[in-house]
Amino acid sequence: MPAEKFNYKPTADQITFGHLVAHMMETNNLLCSKAAAVPAPKVEEVKETDSKDKLVAALKTSFDFCSDALAKMDDSKLAETTEGFGGNKLRAPG
């Protein structure tokens, strides 16, 4: 997505592309930390109005965190549940 389109909304009631990128970063950090039972990284808060470079860098960092955290998981934990958003119980697919 071009930098000038990060404020794009498909409709007035939907979120911007920048908001979606920030949301994915936050979700990656939360869910991967819960699944792997490791603390979520301390990261600088990003806002949907931040630059494309800042948002993309934060998203890439969250994927790196997930890769590292999940690589250290013990396979015996894959069937366990963990707490997700709103207290909902989550389980790895499979």
C-alpha atoms as a PDB file:
ATOM      1  CA  MET A   1       0.000   0.000   0.000  1.00  0.00           C
ATOM      2  CA  PRO A   2       1.457   3.390  -0.890  1.00  0.00           C
ATOM      3  CA  ALA A   3       2.241   5.616   2.102  1.00  0.00           C
ATOM      4  CA  GLU A   4      -0.321   8.201   1.046  1.00  0.00           C
ATOM      5  CA  LYS A   5      -3.072   5.551   1.226  1.00  0.00           C
ATOM      6  CA  PHE A   6      -2.503   4.457   4.848  1.00  0.00           C
ATOM      7  CA  ASN A   7      -5.433   6.723   5.787  1.00  0.00           C
ATOM      8  CA  TYR A   8      -7.681   4.944   3.247  1.00  0.00           C
ATOM      9  CA  LYS A   9     -11.049   3.632   4.475  1.00  0.00           C
ATOM     10  CA  PRO A  10     -13.234   1.463   2.228  1.00  0.00           C
ATOM     11  CA  THR A  11     -16.288   3.180   3.751  1.00  0.00           C
ATOM     12  CA  ALA A  12     -16.749   5.922   6.350  1.00  0.00           C
ATOM     13  CA  ASP A  13     -17.696   3.336   9.009  1.00  0.00           C
ATOM     14  CA  GLN A  14     -14.593   1.183   8.545  1.00  0.00           C
ATOM     15  CA  ILE A  15     -11.092   1.540   9.966  1.00  0.00           C
ATOM     16  CA  THR A  16      -8.167   2.973   8.050  1.00  0.00           C
ATOM     17  CA  PHE A  17      -5.449   0.788   6.581  1.00  0.00           C
ATOM     18  CA  GLY A  18      -3.027   2.318   9.096  1.00  0.00           C
ATOM     19  CA  HIS A  19      -5.350   1.318  11.948  1.00  0.00           C
ATOM     20  CA  LEU A  20      -5.414  -2.241  10.619  1.00  0.00           C
ATOM     21  CA  VAL A  21      -1.604  -2.407  10.564  1.00  0.00           C
ATOM     22  CA  ALA A  22      -1.379  -1.094  14.150  1.00  0.00           C
ATOM     23  CA  HIS A  23      -4.064  -3.579  15.232  1.00  0.00           C
ATOM     24  CA  MET A  24      -2.204  -6.521  13.664  1.00  0.00           C
ATOM     25  CA  MET A  25       0.991  -5.533  15.503  1.00  0.00           C
ATOM     26  CA  GLU A  26      -0.801  -5.348  18.849  1.00  0.00           C
ATOM     27  CA  THR A  27      -2.623  -8.631  18.217  1.00  0.00           C
ATOM     28  CA  ASN A  28       0.561 -10.462  17.215  1.00  0.00           C
ATOM     29  CA  ASN A  29       2.322  -9.349  20.399  1.00  0.00           C
ATOM     30  CA  LEU A  30      -0.610 -10.260  22.637  1.00  0.00           C
ATOM     31  CA  LEU A  31      -1.551 -13.627  21.140  1.00  0.00           C
ATOM     32  CA  CYS A  32       2.001 -14.883  20.619  1.00  0.00           C
ATOM     33  CA  SER A  33       2.966 -13.950  24.170  1.00  0.00           C
ATOM     34  CA  LYS A  34      -0.100 -15.754  25.523  1.00  0.00           C
ATOM     35  CA  ALA A  35       0.385 -18.836  23.339  1.00  0.00           C
ATOM     36  CA  ALA A  36       4.073 -19.182  24.171  1.00  0.00           C
ATOM     37  CA  ALA A  37       3.646 -18.107  27.820  1.00  0.00           C
ATOM     38  CA  VAL A  38       6.289 -15.394  27.514  1.00  0.00           C
ATOM     39  CA  PRO A  39       5.969 -11.697  28.281  1.00  0.00           C
ATOM     40  CA  ALA A  40       4.891  -9.471  25.425  1.00  0.00           C
ATOM     41  CA  PRO A  41       7.691  -7.171  24.298  1.00  0.00           C
ATOM     42  CA  LYS A  42       7.786  -3.593  25.488  1.00  0.00           C
ATOM     43  CA  VAL A  43       7.200  -1.597  22.340  1.00  0.00           C
ATOM     44  CA  GLU A  44       6.627   2.017  21.484  1.00  0.00           C
ATOM     45  CA  GLU A  45       2.950   2.694  20.959  1.00  0.00           C
ATOM     46  CA  VAL A  46       1.999   3.176  17.336  1.00  0.00           C
ATOM     47  CA  LYS A  47      -0.976   5.103  16.056  1.00  0.00           C
ATOM     48  CA  GLU A  48      -2.819   4.706  12.794  1.00  0.00           C
ATOM     49  CA  THR A  49      -1.631   8.195  11.862  1.00  0.00           C
ATOM     50  CA  ASP A  50       2.063   7.291  12.186  1.00  0.00           C
ATOM     51  CA  SER A  51       4.171   7.051   9.052  1.00  0.00           C
ATOM     52  CA  LYS A  52       4.098   3.975   6.873  1.00  0.00           C
ATOM     53  CA  ASP A  53       7.745   3.276   7.751  1.00  0.00           C
ATOM     54  CA  LYS A  54       7.015   3.317  11.486  1.00  0.00           C
ATOM     55  CA  LEU A  55       3.894   1.150  11.170  1.00  0.00           C
ATOM     56  CA  VAL A  56       5.538  -1.405   8.878  1.00  0.00           C
ATOM     57  CA  ALA A  57       8.626  -1.602  11.110  1.00  0.00           C
ATOM     58  CA  ALA A  58       6.433  -2.231  14.174  1.00  0.00           C
ATOM     59  CA  LEU A  59       4.487  -4.932  12.311  1.00  0.00           C
ATOM     60  CA  LYS A  60       7.683  -6.652  11.148  1.00  0.00           C
ATOM     61  CA  THR A  61       9.028  -6.554  14.706  1.00  0.00           C
ATOM     62  CA  SER A  62       5.827  -8.199  15.960  1.00  0.00           C
ATOM     63  CA  PHE A  63       6.194 -11.013  13.410  1.00  0.00           C
ATOM     64  CA  ASP A  64       9.820 -11.483  14.512  1.00  0.00           C
ATOM     65  CA  PHE A  65       8.649 -11.694  18.129  1.00  0.00           C
ATOM     66  CA  CYS A  66       6.049 -14.320  17.171  1.00  0.00           C
ATOM     67  CA  SER A  67       8.610 -16.372  15.262  1.00  0.00           C
ATOM     68  CA  ASP A  68      11.006 -16.362  18.216  1.00  0.00           C
ATOM     69  CA  ALA A  69       8.333 -16.976  20.868  1.00  0.00           C
ATOM     70  CA  LEU A  70       6.576 -19.775  19.009  1.00  0.00           C
ATOM     71  CA  ALA A  71       9.864 -21.482  18.059  1.00  0.00           C
ATOM     72  CA  LYS A  72      10.555 -21.932  21.765  1.00  0.00           C
ATOM     73  CA  MET A  73       7.166 -23.526  22.488  1.00  0.00           C
ATOM     74  CA  ASP A  74       7.043 -27.082  23.676  1.00  0.00           C
ATOM     75  CA  ASP A  75       4.804 -29.182  21.388  1.00  0.00           C
ATOM     76  CA  SER A  76       3.077 -30.623  24.435  1.00  0.00           C
ATOM     77  CA  LYS A  77       1.474 -27.214  25.016  1.00  0.00           C
ATOM     78  CA  LEU A  78      -0.252 -27.041  21.624  1.00  0.00           C
ATOM     79  CA  ALA A  79      -3.505 -28.531  22.945  1.00  0.00           C
ATOM     80  CA  GLU A  80      -3.713 -26.141  25.900  1.00  0.00           C
ATOM     81  CA  THR A  81      -6.025 -23.148  25.949  1.00  0.00           C
ATOM     82  CA  THR A  82      -5.018 -19.596  26.762  1.00  0.00           C
ATOM     83  CA  GLU A  83      -6.871 -16.386  27.417  1.00  0.00           C
ATOM     84  CA  GLY A  84      -7.536 -14.132  24.473  1.00  0.00           C
ATOM     85  CA  PHE A  85      -9.392 -10.863  24.019  1.00  0.00           C
ATOM     86  CA  GLY A  86     -12.217 -10.259  26.454  1.00  0.00           C
ATOM     87  CA  GLY A  87     -11.296 -13.303  28.527  1.00  0.00           C
ATOM     88  CA  ASN A  88     -12.233 -15.721  25.739  1.00  0.00           C
ATOM     89  CA  LYS A  89     -10.423 -19.043  25.764  1.00  0.00           C
ATOM     90  CA  LEU A  90      -8.328 -19.756  22.693  1.00  0.00           C
ATOM     91  CA  ARG A  91      -6.724 -22.949  21.471  1.00  0.00           C
ATOM     92  CA  ALA A  92      -4.248 -23.540  18.688  1.00  0.00           C
ATOM     93  CA  PRO A  93      -5.942 -24.803  15.526  1.00  0.00           C
ATOM     94  CA  GLY A  94      -5.343 -28.335  14.516  1.00  0.00           C
END
